[in-house]
Amino acid sequence: MKKLLFFSIVLFAFFTKSEGQIYIADSCRVSFFSAATIENITAVNSLSKPVMSTATGDIQISITNEDFIFKSKLMQEHFNEDYMESDKYPHIIFKGKVNEKIDYTKEGVNNVTVTGTMDMHGIQKTITIAGTITIQNGIFFLTAKFDVKPADYKIKIPSVIGSDVAEKIAISFTSTMKPYKTQ
C-alpha cells in the first residue's frame, strides 16, 4: 500500500509540472556488485518503477532496500539490518534530470548524463550518471553503470569484514519505459 501511495504521489507531481508525455517502467533491473575475497556480493532489485517526463527530462525512482534479492539469505539480512538499516531508511530515492536535449520522437541511441540527488541512508548527495536512452517504436530503453561509495552515505561496514567489501560498489541499471496512459 505504501508503494502504491508513493507511486501515485510521484505521478501526480509529474502531471502537474509538465505538459509532455510521461513514461513509466514496464520493467526495471537495479543490481549491485562488490568483489570480495571470501565471496562476491551481488544483489538484484526488479520491482522498482522509474518515471520519466519527456517535457522536462526529469527522472525519478524509488528503490525499496528490502526488495534486493541476494544469493544468500544471510547476506540479505546483513544488508538490510546492519548496512542499510532498512527499518530506519527503507528507500533509496533518485531524482534527476537529463542534461542533454533529446528529440524523444526520433529513434536511435542517445548518450546522456543525468544529474540529480541520490538520497540513501539518510544522506543526500548530488551525482551525475552517464548512460543511454535508446528510443525504438515509442519505447525507451534506459541503461547506466556507475559506482557508489558506501562511505559517502555513512554506511558503516563492520571492521571484521570491512576489508572484504569494496570501497566502491558497482551499480547497473536497465529499464524499459513505456508511455503512461491515463484511464
N, C-alpha and C. Protein backbone atom coordinates (compact mmCIF):
# COMPACT_ATOMS: atom_id res chain seq x y z
N MET A 1 0.81 -1.19 0.00
CA MET A 1 0.00 0.00 0.00
C MET A 1 0.86 1.26 0.00
N LYS A 2 1.97 1.24 0.80
CA LYS A 2 2.87 2.39 0.86
C LYS A 2 3.49 2.66 -0.51
N LYS A 3 3.85 1.58 -1.22
CA LYS A 3 4.46 1.73 -2.54
C LYS A 3 3.47 2.36 -3.51
N LEU A 4 2.22 1.93 -3.47
CA LEU A 4 1.21 2.47 -4.36
C LEU A 4 0.97 3.95 -4.07
N LEU A 5 0.93 4.32 -2.81
CA LEU A 5 0.74 5.71 -2.43
C LEU A 5 1.91 6.56 -2.92
N PHE A 6 3.13 6.09 -2.70
CA PHE A 6 4.30 6.83 -3.14
C PHE A 6 4.29 6.99 -4.66
N PHE A 7 3.99 5.92 -5.37
CA PHE A 7 3.93 5.95 -6.83
C PHE A 7 2.89 6.95 -7.30
N SER A 8 1.74 6.98 -6.69
CA SER A 8 0.68 7.92 -7.07
C SER A 8 1.12 9.36 -6.86
N ILE A 9 1.82 9.62 -5.76
CA ILE A 9 2.31 10.97 -5.49
C ILE A 9 3.32 11.39 -6.54
N VAL A 10 4.22 10.48 -6.90
CA VAL A 10 5.22 10.78 -7.92
C VAL A 10 4.54 11.09 -9.25
N LEU A 11 3.57 10.28 -9.66
CA LEU A 11 2.87 10.54 -10.92
C LEU A 11 2.14 11.87 -10.88
N PHE A 12 1.49 12.16 -9.76
CA PHE A 12 0.78 13.43 -9.64
C PHE A 12 1.75 14.60 -9.79
N ALA A 13 2.92 14.50 -9.17
CA ALA A 13 3.92 15.56 -9.27
C ALA A 13 4.34 15.77 -10.72
N PHE A 14 4.52 14.70 -11.46
CA PHE A 14 4.90 14.82 -12.87
C PHE A 14 3.79 15.46 -13.68
N PHE A 15 2.56 15.02 -13.49
CA PHE A 15 1.44 15.55 -14.28
C PHE A 15 1.21 17.03 -14.02
N THR A 16 1.43 17.47 -12.82
CA THR A 16 1.19 18.87 -12.51
C THR A 16 2.33 19.76 -12.97
N LYS A 17 3.51 19.20 -13.25
CA LYS A 17 4.66 20.00 -13.64
C LYS A 17 4.86 20.10 -15.14
N SER A 18 4.30 19.17 -15.93
CA SER A 18 4.68 19.14 -17.33
C SER A 18 3.49 18.89 -18.23
N GLU A 19 3.69 19.24 -19.48
CA GLU A 19 2.67 19.01 -20.50
C GLU A 19 3.06 17.85 -21.41
N GLY A 20 4.27 17.32 -21.31
CA GLY A 20 4.76 16.25 -22.18
C GLY A 20 4.28 14.89 -21.73
N GLN A 21 4.74 13.91 -22.47
CA GLN A 21 4.38 12.52 -22.19
C GLN A 21 5.12 12.01 -20.96
N ILE A 22 4.43 11.25 -20.16
CA ILE A 22 5.01 10.58 -19.00
C ILE A 22 5.29 9.13 -19.40
N TYR A 23 6.48 8.66 -19.04
CA TYR A 23 6.87 7.27 -19.29
C TYR A 23 7.09 6.60 -17.94
N ILE A 24 6.68 5.34 -17.86
CA ILE A 24 6.84 4.57 -16.63
C ILE A 24 7.45 3.22 -17.00
N ALA A 25 8.20 2.67 -16.08
CA ALA A 25 8.89 1.41 -16.35
C ALA A 25 7.92 0.26 -16.55
N ASP A 26 8.11 -0.44 -17.64
CA ASP A 26 7.43 -1.71 -17.87
C ASP A 26 8.23 -2.80 -17.17
N SER A 27 9.55 -2.61 -17.16
CA SER A 27 10.45 -3.48 -16.42
C SER A 27 11.65 -2.66 -15.99
N CYS A 28 12.26 -3.06 -14.89
CA CYS A 28 13.42 -2.34 -14.37
C CYS A 28 14.28 -3.33 -13.60
N ARG A 29 15.59 -3.17 -13.74
CA ARG A 29 16.53 -4.02 -13.01
C ARG A 29 17.64 -3.15 -12.46
N VAL A 30 17.76 -3.12 -11.15
CA VAL A 30 18.85 -2.41 -10.49
C VAL A 30 19.66 -3.49 -9.76
N SER A 31 20.96 -3.53 -10.05
CA SER A 31 21.79 -4.53 -9.38
C SER A 31 23.07 -3.88 -8.89
N PHE A 32 23.68 -4.54 -7.91
CA PHE A 32 24.99 -4.06 -7.47
C PHE A 32 25.93 -5.24 -7.27
N PHE A 33 27.22 -4.92 -7.35
CA PHE A 33 28.26 -5.95 -7.27
C PHE A 33 29.45 -5.39 -6.50
N SER A 34 29.97 -6.21 -5.59
CA SER A 34 31.18 -5.89 -4.87
C SER A 34 32.06 -7.12 -4.87
N ALA A 35 33.26 -6.99 -5.46
CA ALA A 35 34.21 -8.11 -5.45
C ALA A 35 34.73 -8.27 -4.03
N ALA A 36 34.82 -9.51 -3.59
CA ALA A 36 35.28 -9.79 -2.23
C ALA A 36 36.12 -11.06 -2.24
N THR A 37 37.05 -11.17 -1.30
CA THR A 37 37.94 -12.33 -1.27
C THR A 37 37.22 -13.61 -0.86
N ILE A 38 36.32 -13.52 0.10
CA ILE A 38 35.62 -14.71 0.56
C ILE A 38 34.51 -15.09 -0.42
N GLU A 39 33.64 -14.14 -0.72
CA GLU A 39 32.53 -14.37 -1.64
C GLU A 39 32.07 -13.04 -2.21
N ASN A 40 31.93 -12.96 -3.54
CA ASN A 40 31.45 -11.74 -4.17
C ASN A 40 30.04 -11.43 -3.66
N ILE A 41 29.76 -10.15 -3.54
CA ILE A 41 28.46 -9.71 -3.05
C ILE A 41 27.69 -9.12 -4.22
N THR A 42 26.52 -9.68 -4.49
CA THR A 42 25.69 -9.20 -5.58
C THR A 42 24.22 -9.32 -5.20
N ALA A 43 23.44 -8.38 -5.70
CA ALA A 43 22.01 -8.40 -5.43
C ALA A 43 21.27 -7.73 -6.58
N VAL A 44 19.99 -8.09 -6.72
CA VAL A 44 19.16 -7.56 -7.81
C VAL A 44 17.81 -7.13 -7.26
N ASN A 45 17.33 -5.98 -7.75
CA ASN A 45 16.00 -5.49 -7.43
C ASN A 45 15.28 -5.31 -8.76
N SER A 46 14.17 -6.01 -8.95
CA SER A 46 13.40 -5.94 -10.20
C SER A 46 12.00 -5.35 -9.98
N LEU A 47 11.77 -4.73 -8.84
CA LEU A 47 10.44 -4.24 -8.52
C LEU A 47 10.27 -2.72 -8.63
N SER A 48 11.35 -2.00 -8.82
CA SER A 48 11.26 -0.53 -8.89
C SER A 48 10.62 -0.09 -10.19
N LYS A 49 9.96 1.06 -10.15
CA LYS A 49 9.26 1.59 -11.32
C LYS A 49 9.65 3.05 -11.54
N PRO A 50 10.75 3.31 -12.26
CA PRO A 50 11.10 4.70 -12.53
C PRO A 50 10.03 5.38 -13.38
N VAL A 51 9.98 6.72 -13.27
CA VAL A 51 9.05 7.54 -14.02
C VAL A 51 9.86 8.63 -14.69
N MET A 52 9.47 8.99 -15.94
CA MET A 52 10.21 9.99 -16.69
C MET A 52 9.25 10.90 -17.44
N SER A 53 9.60 12.18 -17.52
CA SER A 53 8.83 13.16 -18.28
C SER A 53 9.64 13.61 -19.49
N THR A 54 9.07 13.51 -20.69
CA THR A 54 9.77 13.98 -21.88
C THR A 54 9.75 15.50 -21.97
N ALA A 55 8.81 16.15 -21.31
CA ALA A 55 8.72 17.61 -21.35
C ALA A 55 9.86 18.26 -20.57
N THR A 56 10.22 17.67 -19.45
CA THR A 56 11.23 18.27 -18.58
C THR A 56 12.54 17.49 -18.52
N GLY A 57 12.52 16.22 -18.93
CA GLY A 57 13.71 15.37 -18.80
C GLY A 57 13.90 14.86 -17.39
N ASP A 58 12.91 15.07 -16.53
CA ASP A 58 13.00 14.60 -15.14
C ASP A 58 12.86 13.07 -15.10
N ILE A 59 13.69 12.46 -14.25
CA ILE A 59 13.62 11.03 -13.99
C ILE A 59 13.61 10.84 -12.49
N GLN A 60 12.71 9.98 -12.00
CA GLN A 60 12.64 9.68 -10.57
C GLN A 60 12.49 8.19 -10.38
N ILE A 61 13.13 7.69 -9.32
CA ILE A 61 12.99 6.28 -8.97
C ILE A 61 13.11 6.15 -7.46
N SER A 62 12.28 5.29 -6.91
CA SER A 62 12.36 4.92 -5.50
C SER A 62 12.63 3.42 -5.46
N ILE A 63 13.71 3.05 -4.80
CA ILE A 63 14.11 1.64 -4.71
C ILE A 63 13.95 1.20 -3.26
N THR A 64 13.17 0.17 -3.03
CA THR A 64 12.98 -0.35 -1.68
C THR A 64 14.12 -1.31 -1.36
N ASN A 65 14.86 -1.01 -0.30
CA ASN A 65 16.02 -1.83 0.07
C ASN A 65 15.67 -3.30 0.25
N GLU A 66 14.54 -3.57 0.89
CA GLU A 66 14.19 -4.96 1.18
C GLU A 66 13.81 -5.76 -0.08
N ASP A 67 13.67 -5.08 -1.21
CA ASP A 67 13.36 -5.78 -2.47
C ASP A 67 14.61 -6.28 -3.19
N PHE A 68 15.81 -5.97 -2.67
CA PHE A 68 17.02 -6.54 -3.25
C PHE A 68 17.10 -8.01 -2.85
N ILE A 69 17.34 -8.85 -3.84
CA ILE A 69 17.44 -10.29 -3.62
C ILE A 69 18.91 -10.71 -3.74
N PHE A 70 19.39 -11.42 -2.74
CA PHE A 70 20.75 -11.90 -2.69
C PHE A 70 20.78 -13.41 -2.89
N LYS A 71 21.94 -13.92 -3.22
CA LYS A 71 22.12 -15.36 -3.36
C LYS A 71 21.94 -16.05 -1.99
N SER A 72 22.34 -15.36 -0.95
CA SER A 72 22.29 -15.90 0.41
C SER A 72 21.33 -15.06 1.26
N LYS A 73 20.45 -15.73 1.98
CA LYS A 73 19.52 -15.04 2.88
C LYS A 73 20.28 -14.30 3.98
N LEU A 74 21.42 -14.86 4.42
CA LEU A 74 22.22 -14.22 5.45
C LEU A 74 22.79 -12.88 4.94
N MET A 75 23.26 -12.86 3.68
CA MET A 75 23.74 -11.60 3.09
C MET A 75 22.62 -10.57 3.03
N GLN A 76 21.44 -11.03 2.65
CA GLN A 76 20.28 -10.13 2.55
C GLN A 76 19.93 -9.56 3.93
N GLU A 77 19.99 -10.39 4.93
CA GLU A 77 19.71 -9.95 6.30
C GLU A 77 20.74 -8.92 6.76
N HIS A 78 22.03 -9.19 6.53
CA HIS A 78 23.08 -8.24 6.92
C HIS A 78 22.93 -6.92 6.18
N PHE A 79 22.62 -6.99 4.88
CA PHE A 79 22.43 -5.79 4.06
C PHE A 79 21.34 -4.91 4.66
N ASN A 80 20.19 -5.51 4.96
CA ASN A 80 19.04 -4.73 5.46
C ASN A 80 19.20 -4.28 6.90
N GLU A 81 19.74 -5.14 7.77
CA GLU A 81 19.81 -4.81 9.18
C GLU A 81 21.07 -4.03 9.56
N ASP A 82 22.23 -4.47 9.06
CA ASP A 82 23.49 -3.90 9.52
C ASP A 82 23.98 -2.72 8.68
N TYR A 83 23.83 -2.81 7.36
CA TYR A 83 24.41 -1.79 6.49
C TYR A 83 23.41 -0.69 6.12
N MET A 84 22.30 -1.07 5.50
CA MET A 84 21.34 -0.08 5.03
C MET A 84 20.38 0.39 6.12
N GLU A 85 20.29 -0.36 7.21
CA GLU A 85 19.36 -0.04 8.30
C GLU A 85 17.98 0.23 7.69
N SER A 86 17.47 -0.75 6.97
CA SER A 86 16.25 -0.59 6.18
C SER A 86 15.01 -0.24 6.99
N ASP A 87 14.99 -0.58 8.26
CA ASP A 87 13.85 -0.16 9.10
C ASP A 87 13.82 1.37 9.24
N LYS A 88 14.99 1.96 9.32
CA LYS A 88 15.12 3.40 9.50
C LYS A 88 15.14 4.14 8.16
N TYR A 89 15.80 3.54 7.15
CA TYR A 89 15.93 4.14 5.81
C TYR A 89 15.46 3.12 4.77
N PRO A 90 14.16 2.98 4.57
CA PRO A 90 13.63 1.90 3.73
C PRO A 90 13.87 2.05 2.22
N HIS A 91 14.13 3.28 1.75
CA HIS A 91 14.23 3.51 0.30
C HIS A 91 15.51 4.23 -0.08
N ILE A 92 15.93 3.99 -1.30
CA ILE A 92 16.94 4.79 -1.98
C ILE A 92 16.15 5.57 -3.02
N ILE A 93 16.27 6.88 -3.03
CA ILE A 93 15.50 7.69 -3.96
C ILE A 93 16.45 8.52 -4.81
N PHE A 94 16.22 8.49 -6.11
CA PHE A 94 16.99 9.32 -7.03
C PHE A 94 16.03 10.20 -7.80
N LYS A 95 16.31 11.51 -7.80
CA LYS A 95 15.54 12.48 -8.58
C LYS A 95 16.55 13.25 -9.41
N GLY A 96 16.44 13.12 -10.74
CA GLY A 96 17.41 13.78 -11.60
C GLY A 96 16.80 14.31 -12.87
N LYS A 97 17.67 14.86 -13.70
CA LYS A 97 17.25 15.47 -14.95
C LYS A 97 18.28 15.15 -16.03
N VAL A 98 17.80 14.77 -17.21
CA VAL A 98 18.68 14.51 -18.35
C VAL A 98 19.31 15.85 -18.74
N ASN A 99 20.63 15.87 -18.85
CA ASN A 99 21.34 17.12 -19.16
C ASN A 99 21.28 17.49 -20.64
N GLU A 100 21.19 16.51 -21.50
CA GLU A 100 21.22 16.76 -22.94
C GLU A 100 19.81 16.99 -23.48
N LYS A 101 19.71 17.75 -24.56
CA LYS A 101 18.44 17.97 -25.25
C LYS A 101 18.24 16.77 -26.17
N ILE A 102 17.12 16.08 -26.01
CA ILE A 102 16.83 14.88 -26.81
C ILE A 102 15.53 15.06 -27.55
N ASP A 103 15.51 14.62 -28.80
CA ASP A 103 14.26 14.56 -29.56
C ASP A 103 13.67 13.17 -29.29
N TYR A 104 12.70 13.11 -28.40
CA TYR A 104 12.13 11.83 -27.98
C TYR A 104 11.25 11.20 -29.06
N THR A 105 11.06 11.88 -30.18
CA THR A 105 10.28 11.31 -31.29
C THR A 105 11.19 10.63 -32.31
N LYS A 106 12.50 10.80 -32.15
CA LYS A 106 13.46 10.26 -33.11
C LYS A 106 14.08 8.97 -32.57
N GLU A 107 14.00 7.91 -33.37
CA GLU A 107 14.56 6.63 -32.94
C GLU A 107 16.08 6.67 -32.97
N GLY A 108 16.68 5.91 -32.06
CA GLY A 108 18.13 5.80 -32.02
C GLY A 108 18.66 5.78 -30.61
N VAL A 109 19.99 5.72 -30.53
CA VAL A 109 20.68 5.67 -29.25
C VAL A 109 21.16 7.06 -28.89
N ASN A 110 20.87 7.48 -27.68
CA ASN A 110 21.29 8.79 -27.18
C ASN A 110 22.18 8.60 -25.95
N ASN A 111 23.43 9.04 -26.06
CA ASN A 111 24.31 9.04 -24.89
C ASN A 111 23.92 10.23 -24.04
N VAL A 112 23.67 9.99 -22.77
CA VAL A 112 23.18 11.04 -21.89
C VAL A 112 23.92 11.03 -20.55
N THR A 113 23.78 12.13 -19.84
CA THR A 113 24.14 12.19 -18.44
C THR A 113 22.91 12.69 -17.70
N VAL A 114 22.73 12.18 -16.51
CA VAL A 114 21.61 12.59 -15.67
C VAL A 114 22.21 13.09 -14.36
N THR A 115 21.89 14.31 -14.00
CA THR A 115 22.37 14.88 -12.74
C THR A 115 21.19 15.03 -11.80
N GLY A 116 21.41 14.59 -10.57
CA GLY A 116 20.33 14.68 -9.60
C GLY A 116 20.80 14.36 -8.21
N THR A 117 19.83 14.18 -7.33
CA THR A 117 20.11 13.90 -5.93
C THR A 117 19.81 12.45 -5.61
N MET A 118 20.81 11.77 -5.07
CA MET A 118 20.65 10.41 -4.56
C MET A 118 20.45 10.54 -3.06
N ASP A 119 19.33 10.04 -2.57
CA ASP A 119 19.02 10.05 -1.15
C ASP A 119 19.11 8.60 -0.68
N MET A 120 20.19 8.31 0.05
CA MET A 120 20.42 6.94 0.50
C MET A 120 20.94 6.98 1.93
N HIS A 121 20.37 6.15 2.77
CA HIS A 121 20.81 6.00 4.16
C HIS A 121 20.78 7.34 4.90
N GLY A 122 19.78 8.18 4.54
CA GLY A 122 19.61 9.46 5.21
C GLY A 122 20.54 10.57 4.71
N ILE A 123 21.35 10.29 3.72
CA ILE A 123 22.29 11.27 3.17
C ILE A 123 21.86 11.62 1.74
N GLN A 124 21.81 12.90 1.43
CA GLN A 124 21.50 13.34 0.07
C GLN A 124 22.79 13.85 -0.56
N LYS A 125 23.06 13.35 -1.77
CA LYS A 125 24.29 13.71 -2.46
C LYS A 125 23.96 13.94 -3.93
N THR A 126 24.49 15.02 -4.51
CA THR A 126 24.32 15.28 -5.93
C THR A 126 25.32 14.43 -6.71
N ILE A 127 24.80 13.69 -7.70
CA ILE A 127 25.65 12.85 -8.52
C ILE A 127 25.26 13.03 -9.99
N THR A 128 26.19 12.68 -10.88
CA THR A 128 25.93 12.65 -12.31
C THR A 128 26.21 11.24 -12.79
N ILE A 129 25.25 10.69 -13.52
CA ILE A 129 25.33 9.32 -14.01
C ILE A 129 25.32 9.34 -15.53
N ALA A 130 26.27 8.64 -16.14
CA ALA A 130 26.31 8.51 -17.60
C ALA A 130 25.54 7.26 -18.00
N GLY A 131 24.83 7.35 -19.12
CA GLY A 131 24.07 6.20 -19.60
C GLY A 131 23.57 6.42 -21.01
N THR A 132 22.60 5.62 -21.39
CA THR A 132 21.99 5.75 -22.72
C THR A 132 20.48 5.69 -22.61
N ILE A 133 19.84 6.41 -23.53
CA ILE A 133 18.40 6.28 -23.74
C ILE A 133 18.25 5.88 -25.20
N THR A 134 17.79 4.66 -25.41
CA THR A 134 17.56 4.17 -26.77
C THR A 134 16.06 4.23 -27.02
N ILE A 135 15.69 4.86 -28.13
CA ILE A 135 14.28 5.02 -28.49
C ILE A 135 14.00 4.11 -29.68
N GLN A 136 12.99 3.24 -29.49
CA GLN A 136 12.63 2.29 -30.54
C GLN A 136 11.14 2.02 -30.47
N ASN A 137 10.42 2.31 -31.55
CA ASN A 137 8.97 2.07 -31.62
C ASN A 137 8.21 2.71 -30.45
N GLY A 138 8.63 3.91 -30.05
CA GLY A 138 7.93 4.62 -28.98
C GLY A 138 8.23 4.13 -27.58
N ILE A 139 9.18 3.23 -27.46
CA ILE A 139 9.59 2.68 -26.16
C ILE A 139 11.00 3.15 -25.88
N PHE A 140 11.28 3.49 -24.62
CA PHE A 140 12.61 3.92 -24.22
C PHE A 140 13.31 2.79 -23.46
N PHE A 141 14.57 2.58 -23.79
CA PHE A 141 15.41 1.61 -23.08
C PHE A 141 16.53 2.40 -22.41
N LEU A 142 16.51 2.45 -21.09
CA LEU A 142 17.50 3.19 -20.32
C LEU A 142 18.53 2.25 -19.76
N THR A 143 19.80 2.63 -19.85
CA THR A 143 20.87 1.85 -19.24
C THR A 143 21.88 2.79 -18.60
N ALA A 144 22.47 2.35 -17.52
CA ALA A 144 23.53 3.12 -16.85
C ALA A 144 24.35 2.19 -15.98
N LYS A 145 25.62 2.55 -15.84
CA LYS A 145 26.52 1.87 -14.90
C LYS A 145 27.31 2.96 -14.19
N PHE A 146 27.39 2.84 -12.88
CA PHE A 146 28.12 3.82 -12.09
C PHE A 146 28.54 3.20 -10.77
N ASP A 147 29.39 3.89 -10.04
CA ASP A 147 29.88 3.41 -8.76
C ASP A 147 29.34 4.26 -7.63
N VAL A 148 29.15 3.63 -6.48
CA VAL A 148 28.73 4.31 -5.26
C VAL A 148 29.70 3.92 -4.15
N LYS A 149 30.13 4.90 -3.38
CA LYS A 149 31.00 4.63 -2.23
C LYS A 149 30.11 4.59 -0.97
N PRO A 150 30.06 3.46 -0.28
CA PRO A 150 29.27 3.40 0.97
C PRO A 150 29.65 4.50 1.96
N ALA A 151 30.93 4.85 2.03
CA ALA A 151 31.37 5.89 2.98
C ALA A 151 30.73 7.24 2.69
N ASP A 152 30.42 7.53 1.40
CA ASP A 152 29.77 8.80 1.05
C ASP A 152 28.38 8.92 1.67
N TYR A 153 27.78 7.80 1.99
CA TYR A 153 26.42 7.78 2.54
C TYR A 153 26.42 7.31 4.00
N LYS A 154 27.57 7.36 4.61
CA LYS A 154 27.76 6.98 6.02
C LYS A 154 27.22 5.58 6.31
N ILE A 155 27.44 4.68 5.35
CA ILE A 155 27.10 3.27 5.54
C ILE A 155 28.32 2.61 6.17
N LYS A 156 28.15 2.16 7.39
CA LYS A 156 29.26 1.59 8.14
C LYS A 156 29.41 0.10 7.84
N ILE A 157 30.64 -0.28 7.52
CA ILE A 157 30.97 -1.68 7.28
C ILE A 157 31.76 -2.14 8.51
N PRO A 158 31.28 -3.19 9.20
CA PRO A 158 32.00 -3.67 10.39
C PRO A 158 33.46 -3.99 10.06
N SER A 159 34.38 -3.64 10.96
CA SER A 159 35.81 -3.80 10.70
C SER A 159 36.20 -5.25 10.44
N VAL A 160 35.46 -6.20 10.99
CA VAL A 160 35.79 -7.62 10.79
C VAL A 160 35.73 -7.97 9.30
N ILE A 161 34.73 -7.43 8.59
CA ILE A 161 34.62 -7.73 7.17
C ILE A 161 34.86 -6.50 6.30
N GLY A 162 35.16 -5.37 6.92
CA GLY A 162 35.35 -4.13 6.17
C GLY A 162 36.39 -4.24 5.08
N SER A 163 37.45 -4.99 5.34
CA SER A 163 38.50 -5.14 4.34
C SER A 163 38.05 -6.04 3.19
N ASP A 164 36.93 -6.73 3.37
CA ASP A 164 36.45 -7.64 2.34
C ASP A 164 35.37 -7.01 1.45
N VAL A 165 34.91 -5.82 1.79
CA VAL A 165 33.90 -5.13 0.98
C VAL A 165 34.61 -4.03 0.19
N ALA A 166 34.33 -3.98 -1.10
CA ALA A 166 34.98 -2.99 -1.96
C ALA A 166 34.67 -1.57 -1.51
N GLU A 167 35.63 -0.66 -1.74
CA GLU A 167 35.44 0.75 -1.40
C GLU A 167 34.36 1.37 -2.28
N LYS A 168 34.25 0.87 -3.52
CA LYS A 168 33.22 1.32 -4.45
C LYS A 168 32.36 0.12 -4.84
N ILE A 169 31.06 0.32 -4.87
CA ILE A 169 30.11 -0.72 -5.27
C ILE A 169 29.64 -0.39 -6.68
N ALA A 170 29.74 -1.37 -7.59
CA ALA A 170 29.33 -1.18 -8.99
C ALA A 170 27.82 -1.35 -9.11
N ILE A 171 27.14 -0.33 -9.65
CA ILE A 171 25.70 -0.33 -9.82
C ILE A 171 25.38 -0.44 -11.31
N SER A 172 24.42 -1.29 -11.65
CA SER A 172 23.92 -1.40 -13.03
C SER A 172 22.42 -1.15 -13.02
N PHE A 173 21.97 -0.40 -14.01
CA PHE A 173 20.56 -0.04 -14.10
C PHE A 173 20.10 -0.24 -15.54
N THR A 174 18.98 -0.95 -15.72
CA THR A 174 18.33 -1.07 -17.02
C THR A 174 16.83 -0.95 -16.81
N SER A 175 16.18 -0.29 -17.75
CA SER A 175 14.74 -0.14 -17.64
C SER A 175 14.13 0.01 -19.02
N THR A 176 12.98 -0.61 -19.21
CA THR A 176 12.18 -0.43 -20.41
C THR A 176 11.02 0.46 -20.02
N MET A 177 10.93 1.62 -20.67
CA MET A 177 9.93 2.63 -20.31
C MET A 177 8.88 2.74 -21.41
N LYS A 178 7.61 2.70 -21.01
CA LYS A 178 6.50 2.84 -21.96
C LYS A 178 5.65 4.04 -21.59
N PRO A 179 4.96 4.62 -22.57
CA PRO A 179 4.10 5.77 -22.25
C PRO A 179 3.04 5.39 -21.22
N TYR A 180 2.86 6.28 -20.24
CA TYR A 180 1.82 6.08 -19.24
C TYR A 180 0.52 6.60 -19.81
N LYS A 181 -0.50 5.78 -19.76
CA LYS A 181 -1.80 6.16 -20.28
C LYS A 181 -2.79 6.26 -19.13
N THR A 182 -3.45 7.41 -19.02
CA THR A 182 -4.49 7.55 -18.00
C THR A 182 -5.74 6.84 -18.48
N GLN A 183 -6.53 6.40 -17.53
CA GLN A 183 -7.71 5.61 -17.90
C GLN A 183 -8.95 6.45 -17.92
